[in-house]
């Protein structure tokens, strides 16, 4: 017997409620630990920069403002970089804040090292003391960036488009009388209709042995057309809210490939010749839009032109 393979799908193959709780606990723990590390790093870096500014001639009553400026800029630039990541059109803005982040981090690290070097009063070599002192600002930079990233993690692991699946037709196995007991006939029962906002052509492929191929192809084409109209409505809503500048058809096809075919961000990005992060941002925006309305909302209404 071969050992079972461990895959990300296997790890998350558990009931939805348990998975949501596990994600929330893990996220809360990560944010709490990162906040503690960031706070400790800030205190150490703040004390060193305060003393260094005082040694530079600034009044002790005002020199504490210098570490606030230096380390505060790291926090401000990090938040700005994370916030602008969801807006591909803000490339220059991201480059600016990346530059601000790099400069402020370099100043903080160099200043902490310089303070340890000139204020050396231990048995360690001054260079080693300076190296140890730079751990605090580096940790502060990492913790600040980590908190900004973690706070943007969606609390829901499944979108409304994935929450409701098409009902599968039930089968009743009947045995005809006066015939071979092995010979049985599968008769599909009529499933109750349920409101869905997610269409998959694969749902119609099961139990199709007794269906005419032309009828099956027609049904699949109809479902595919409904799916495309559905995602075109979502994409049109996103464009109307200025959440994307890409064409409605392109965004709709990306969403259909993601939600209906469950393609990866990288596969979709390669298909449209964009980065996987661009696809991820579009999917996140679509999820935020769909979370605002009931699951049975008719998105095709967004395709009807308004003359009001």
Protein backbone atom coordinates (compact mmCIF):
# COMPACT_ATOMS: atom_id res chain seq x y z
CA UNK A 1 0.00 0.00 0.00
CA UNK A 2 1.49 3.33 -1.05
CA UNK A 3 1.59 6.23 1.35
CA UNK A 4 -1.07 8.88 0.68
CA UNK A 5 0.25 12.01 -0.97
CA UNK A 6 0.04 15.26 0.95
CA UNK A 7 -1.31 18.05 -1.21
CA UNK A 8 -2.77 21.50 -0.47
CA UNK A 9 -6.13 20.15 -1.63
CA UNK A 10 -5.88 17.30 0.90
CA UNK A 11 -4.98 19.63 3.72
CA UNK A 12 -8.05 21.78 3.12
CA UNK A 13 -10.37 18.86 2.36
CA UNK A 14 -12.37 19.25 5.51
CA UNK A 15 -15.82 20.62 6.42
CA UNK A 16 -16.30 24.27 5.56
CA UNK A 17 -16.99 25.34 9.15
CA UNK A 18 -13.83 23.71 10.51
CA UNK A 19 -11.76 25.13 7.68
CA UNK A 20 -13.04 28.66 8.28
CA UNK A 21 -12.30 28.38 12.01
CA UNK A 22 -8.80 27.03 11.33
CA UNK A 23 -8.08 29.88 8.92
CA UNK A 24 -9.37 32.48 11.37
CA UNK A 25 -7.38 31.06 14.30
CA UNK A 26 -4.20 30.86 12.20
CA UNK A 27 -4.67 34.40 10.91
CA UNK A 28 -5.39 35.78 14.38
CA UNK A 29 -2.33 34.03 15.84
CA UNK A 30 -0.09 35.25 13.03
CA UNK A 31 -1.26 38.85 13.43
CA UNK A 32 -0.89 38.71 17.24
CA UNK A 33 2.64 37.26 17.13
CA UNK A 34 3.72 39.63 14.38
CA UNK A 35 2.33 42.59 16.33
CA UNK A 36 4.29 41.60 19.45
CA UNK A 37 7.50 41.22 17.44
CA UNK A 38 6.91 44.52 15.69
CA UNK A 39 6.21 46.32 18.96
CA UNK A 40 9.36 44.97 20.62
CA UNK A 41 11.46 45.87 17.58
CA UNK A 42 9.99 49.37 17.49
CA UNK A 43 10.81 49.99 21.17
CA UNK A 44 14.46 48.93 20.76
CA UNK A 45 14.91 50.86 17.54
CA UNK A 46 13.13 53.90 19.01
CA UNK A 47 15.44 53.99 22.05
CA UNK A 48 18.58 53.73 19.92
CA UNK A 49 17.49 56.40 17.43
CA UNK A 50 16.36 58.72 20.24
CA UNK A 51 19.75 58.50 21.92
CA UNK A 52 21.54 58.94 18.59
CA UNK A 53 19.53 62.08 17.79
CA UNK A 54 20.34 63.45 21.26
CA UNK A 55 24.04 62.78 20.70
CA UNK A 56 23.76 64.66 17.40
CA UNK A 57 22.85 67.84 19.30
CA UNK A 58 19.06 67.84 19.26
CA UNK A 59 17.36 68.73 22.56
CA UNK A 60 16.38 65.65 24.56
CA UNK A 61 12.81 66.92 24.77
CA UNK A 62 12.54 66.98 20.97
CA UNK A 63 14.97 64.33 19.78
CA UNK A 64 12.36 61.58 20.28
CA UNK A 65 10.57 62.95 17.21
CA UNK A 66 13.38 61.73 14.95
CA UNK A 67 12.76 58.00 15.51
CA UNK A 68 9.04 58.67 15.08
CA UNK A 69 9.76 60.14 11.66
CA UNK A 70 12.16 57.37 10.58
CA UNK A 71 10.28 54.30 11.81
CA UNK A 72 6.88 55.88 11.22
CA UNK A 73 7.80 56.35 7.57
CA UNK A 74 8.48 52.60 7.32
CA UNK A 75 4.95 51.88 8.57
CA UNK A 76 3.36 54.48 6.28
CA UNK A 77 5.21 53.34 3.16
CA UNK A 78 4.46 49.66 3.81
CA UNK A 79 0.72 50.29 4.17
CA UNK A 80 0.73 52.38 1.00
CA UNK A 81 2.54 49.67 -1.00
CA UNK A 82 0.06 47.00 0.12
CA UNK A 83 -2.95 49.24 -0.54
CA UNK A 84 -1.80 50.16 -4.07
CA UNK A 85 -1.11 46.52 -4.96
CA UNK A 86 -4.82 46.12 -5.78
CA UNK A 87 -4.60 48.92 -8.38
CA UNK A 88 -2.42 47.92 -11.37
CA UNK A 89 -2.81 51.38 -12.88
CA UNK A 90 -0.98 52.96 -9.88
CA UNK A 91 2.45 51.72 -10.96
CA UNK A 92 4.21 55.06 -10.37
CA UNK A 93 2.63 55.40 -6.94
CA UNK A 94 3.88 51.95 -5.92
CA UNK A 95 7.37 52.74 -7.19
CA UNK A 96 7.42 55.95 -5.15
CA UNK A 97 6.41 54.27 -1.91
CA UNK A 98 8.82 51.38 -2.54
CA UNK A 99 11.58 53.99 -2.80
CA UNK A 100 10.41 55.70 0.40
CA UNK A 101 10.30 52.33 2.15
CA UNK A 102 13.80 51.37 1.01
CA UNK A 103 15.32 54.72 2.04
CA UNK A 104 13.62 54.84 5.45
CA UNK A 105 14.57 51.23 6.18
CA UNK A 106 18.18 51.91 5.19
CA UNK A 107 18.31 54.99 7.43
CA UNK A 108 16.85 53.08 10.38
CA UNK A 109 19.20 50.11 9.99
CA UNK A 110 22.29 52.30 9.47
CA UNK A 111 21.41 54.57 12.40
CA UNK A 112 20.89 51.65 14.79
CA UNK A 113 24.22 50.19 13.74
CA UNK A 114 25.97 53.56 14.11
CA UNK A 115 24.52 54.08 17.57
CA UNK A 116 25.77 50.69 18.75
CA UNK A 117 29.19 51.42 17.27
CA UNK A 118 29.72 54.85 18.86
CA UNK A 119 27.99 53.98 22.15
CA UNK A 120 29.93 50.74 22.52
CA UNK A 121 30.29 49.79 26.18
CA UNK A 122 30.37 45.99 26.17
CA UNK A 123 32.98 43.27 25.79
CA UNK A 124 31.84 42.55 22.24
CA UNK A 125 33.63 43.92 19.21
CA UNK A 126 32.03 47.22 18.07
CA UNK A 127 31.25 45.77 14.63
CA UNK A 128 29.50 42.79 16.22
CA UNK A 129 27.53 45.09 18.53
CA UNK A 130 26.47 47.15 15.51
CA UNK A 131 25.36 44.02 13.68
CA UNK A 132 23.26 42.93 16.65
CA UNK A 133 21.67 46.38 16.87
CA UNK A 134 20.50 46.19 13.24
CA UNK A 135 18.31 43.18 14.05
CA UNK A 136 15.65 45.41 15.63
CA UNK A 137 15.02 47.70 12.62
CA UNK A 138 15.16 44.75 10.20
CA UNK A 139 12.63 42.87 12.33
CA UNK A 140 10.48 46.00 12.53
CA UNK A 141 10.47 46.26 8.74
CA UNK A 142 9.54 42.59 8.32
CA UNK A 143 6.85 42.71 11.02
CA UNK A 144 5.27 45.86 9.65
CA UNK A 145 5.12 44.44 6.15
CA UNK A 146 3.81 41.14 7.51
CA UNK A 147 0.98 42.77 9.44
CA UNK A 148 -0.06 44.78 6.39
CA UNK A 149 -0.17 41.61 4.28
CA UNK A 150 -2.02 39.53 6.88
CA UNK A 151 -4.73 42.12 7.44
CA UNK A 152 -5.59 41.91 3.73
CA UNK A 153 -6.17 38.15 3.78
CA UNK A 154 -9.86 37.46 2.97
CA UNK A 155 -11.82 36.02 5.88
CA UNK A 156 -13.86 33.84 3.49
CA UNK A 157 -12.07 31.08 1.63
CA UNK A 158 -14.93 30.52 -0.79
CA UNK A 159 -16.77 33.08 -2.85
CA UNK A 160 -20.54 33.19 -3.27
CA UNK A 161 -20.06 31.82 -6.77
CA UNK A 162 -18.58 28.68 -5.26
CA UNK A 163 -20.97 28.35 -2.33
CA UNK A 164 -23.86 26.78 -4.27
CA UNK A 165 -23.38 23.81 -6.58
CA UNK A 166 -25.74 22.41 -9.19
CA UNK A 167 -27.89 19.56 -7.84
CA UNK A 168 -26.92 16.19 -9.23
CA UNK A 169 -29.83 14.09 -10.51
CA UNK A 170 -30.58 11.16 -8.23
CA UNK A 171 -30.79 7.65 -9.66
CA UNK A 172 -33.26 4.89 -8.85
CA UNK A 173 -32.11 1.42 -9.84
CA UNK A 174 -35.03 -0.67 -11.03
CA UNK A 175 -34.93 -4.29 -12.05
CA UNK A 176 -37.27 -5.20 -14.93
CA UNK A 177 -39.44 -8.28 -14.28
CA UNK A 178 -38.83 -11.57 -16.08
CA UNK A 179 -35.36 -10.49 -17.14
CA UNK A 180 -31.83 -11.29 -16.17
CA UNK A 181 -31.27 -10.01 -12.59
CA UNK A 182 -27.96 -8.54 -13.68
CA UNK A 183 -29.68 -6.30 -16.20
CA UNK A 184 -30.82 -3.12 -14.53
CA UNK A 185 -31.99 0.24 -15.73
CA UNK A 186 -30.98 3.58 -14.22
CA UNK A 187 -33.85 6.03 -14.17
CA UNK A 188 -33.03 9.65 -13.27
CA UNK A 189 -35.36 11.38 -10.87
CA UNK A 190 -36.38 14.96 -11.49
CA UNK A 191 -34.33 17.11 -9.11
CA UNK A 192 -35.90 20.13 -7.48
CA UNK A 193 -34.78 23.40 -8.98
CA UNK A 194 -32.55 25.50 -6.75
CA UNK A 195 -31.36 29.07 -7.35
CA UNK A 196 -27.77 29.05 -8.51
CA UNK A 197 -25.36 31.69 -9.67
CA UNK A 198 -22.72 29.28 -10.85
CA UNK A 199 -23.00 27.18 -14.01
CA UNK A 200 -20.83 24.27 -15.05
CA UNK A 201 -21.26 22.28 -18.24
CA UNK A 202 -19.70 19.26 -16.52
CA UNK A 203 -22.80 18.88 -14.32
CA UNK A 204 -24.69 17.69 -17.38
CA UNK A 205 -22.20 15.02 -18.39
CA UNK A 206 -23.25 12.48 -15.75
CA UNK A 207 -25.75 9.74 -16.63
CA UNK A 208 -25.84 10.79 -20.30
CA UNK A 209 -25.79 7.28 -21.79
CA UNK A 210 -29.44 7.42 -22.86
CA UNK A 211 -29.38 11.05 -24.06
CA UNK A 212 -29.08 11.98 -27.68
CA UNK A 213 -25.58 13.44 -28.37
CA UNK A 214 -27.10 16.44 -30.13
CA UNK A 215 -29.33 17.19 -27.15
CA UNK A 216 -26.37 16.87 -24.77
CA UNK A 217 -24.23 19.22 -26.84
CA UNK A 218 -27.09 21.70 -27.03
CA UNK A 219 -27.55 21.57 -23.25
CA UNK A 220 -23.83 22.07 -22.66
CA UNK A 221 -23.73 25.00 -25.09
CA UNK A 222 -26.73 26.56 -23.35
CA UNK A 223 -25.15 26.20 -19.91
CA UNK A 224 -21.87 27.65 -21.18
CA UNK A 225 -23.72 30.62 -22.66
CA UNK A 226 -25.53 31.22 -19.34
CA UNK A 227 -22.20 31.04 -17.53
CA UNK A 228 -20.61 33.59 -19.83
CA UNK A 229 -23.56 35.95 -19.48
CA UNK A 230 -23.36 35.56 -15.71
CA UNK A 231 -19.68 36.52 -15.52
CA UNK A 232 -20.11 39.25 -18.12
CA UNK A 233 -22.67 40.80 -15.78
CA UNK A 234 -20.18 40.66 -12.90
CA UNK A 235 -17.45 42.12 -15.11
CA UNK A 236 -19.76 44.89 -16.34
CA UNK A 237 -20.57 45.80 -12.74
CA UNK A 238 -16.85 45.96 -11.93
CA UNK A 239 -16.23 48.27 -14.89
CA UNK A 240 -19.17 50.46 -13.90
CA UNK A 241 -17.65 50.84 -10.44
CA UNK A 242 -14.24 51.60 -12.02
CA UNK A 243 -12.67 48.56 -10.38
CA UNK A 244 -10.99 47.58 -13.65
CA UNK A 245 -10.18 49.11 -17.01
CA UNK A 246 -10.00 45.80 -18.88
CA UNK A 247 -12.69 44.78 -21.34
CA UNK A 248 -15.83 43.11 -20.03
CA UNK A 249 -15.29 39.98 -22.14
CA UNK A 250 -11.69 39.55 -20.94
CA UNK A 251 -12.56 39.96 -17.26
CA UNK A 252 -15.60 37.70 -17.63
CA UNK A 253 -13.52 34.92 -19.20
CA UNK A 254 -10.91 35.21 -16.44
CA UNK A 255 -13.63 34.85 -13.79
CA UNK A 256 -15.27 31.95 -15.62
CA UNK A 257 -11.95 30.10 -15.88
CA UNK A 258 -11.29 30.71 -12.19
CA UNK A 259 -14.68 29.91 -10.67
CA UNK A 260 -16.23 27.49 -13.18
CA UNK A 261 -13.13 25.64 -14.38
CA UNK A 262 -11.12 26.23 -11.17
CA UNK A 263 -8.01 27.17 -13.12
CA UNK A 264 -5.01 28.54 -11.19
CA UNK A 265 -4.08 32.22 -11.26
CA UNK A 266 -0.85 31.37 -13.08
CA UNK A 267 -2.64 29.33 -15.78
CA UNK A 268 -5.14 32.12 -16.40
CA UNK A 269 -2.35 34.71 -16.43
CA UNK A 270 -0.41 32.75 -19.03
CA UNK A 271 -3.54 32.45 -21.17
CA UNK A 272 -4.13 36.23 -21.17
CA UNK A 273 -0.41 37.15 -20.96
CA UNK A 274 -0.71 38.93 -17.64
CA UNK A 275 0.84 38.29 -14.24
CA UNK A 276 -0.86 35.93 -11.80
CA UNK A 277 -1.09 38.80 -9.30
CA UNK A 278 -3.19 40.76 -11.80
CA UNK A 279 -5.61 37.84 -12.06
CA UNK A 280 -5.66 37.48 -8.26
CA UNK A 281 -6.53 41.18 -7.84
CA UNK A 282 -9.40 40.91 -10.33
CA UNK A 283 -10.75 37.83 -8.58
CA UNK A 284 -10.60 39.55 -5.18
CA UNK A 285 -12.48 42.56 -6.55
CA UNK A 286 -15.10 40.27 -8.09
CA UNK A 287 -15.55 38.49 -4.76
CA UNK A 288 -16.03 41.79 -2.95
CA UNK A 289 -18.67 42.83 -5.49
CA UNK A 290 -20.52 39.49 -5.27
CA UNK A 291 -20.43 39.53 -1.46
CA UNK A 292 -22.60 42.66 -1.49
CA UNK A 293 -25.68 40.97 -3.01
CA UNK A 294 -27.70 37.78 -2.37
CA UNK A 295 -26.38 34.56 -3.88
CA UNK A 296 -29.34 34.33 -6.30
CA UNK A 297 -28.79 37.81 -7.75
CA UNK A 298 -29.24 37.97 -11.52
CA UNK A 299 -26.01 39.51 -12.79
CA UNK A 300 -27.21 39.51 -16.39
CA UNK A 301 -29.29 42.59 -15.52
CA UNK A 302 -26.03 44.57 -15.60
CA UNK A 303 -25.83 43.84 -19.34
CA UNK A 304 -29.17 45.56 -20.06
CA UNK A 305 -28.49 49.19 -21.15
CA UNK A 306 -30.15 51.86 -19.06
CA UNK A 307 -31.78 54.82 -20.80
CA UNK A 308 -32.89 56.60 -17.66
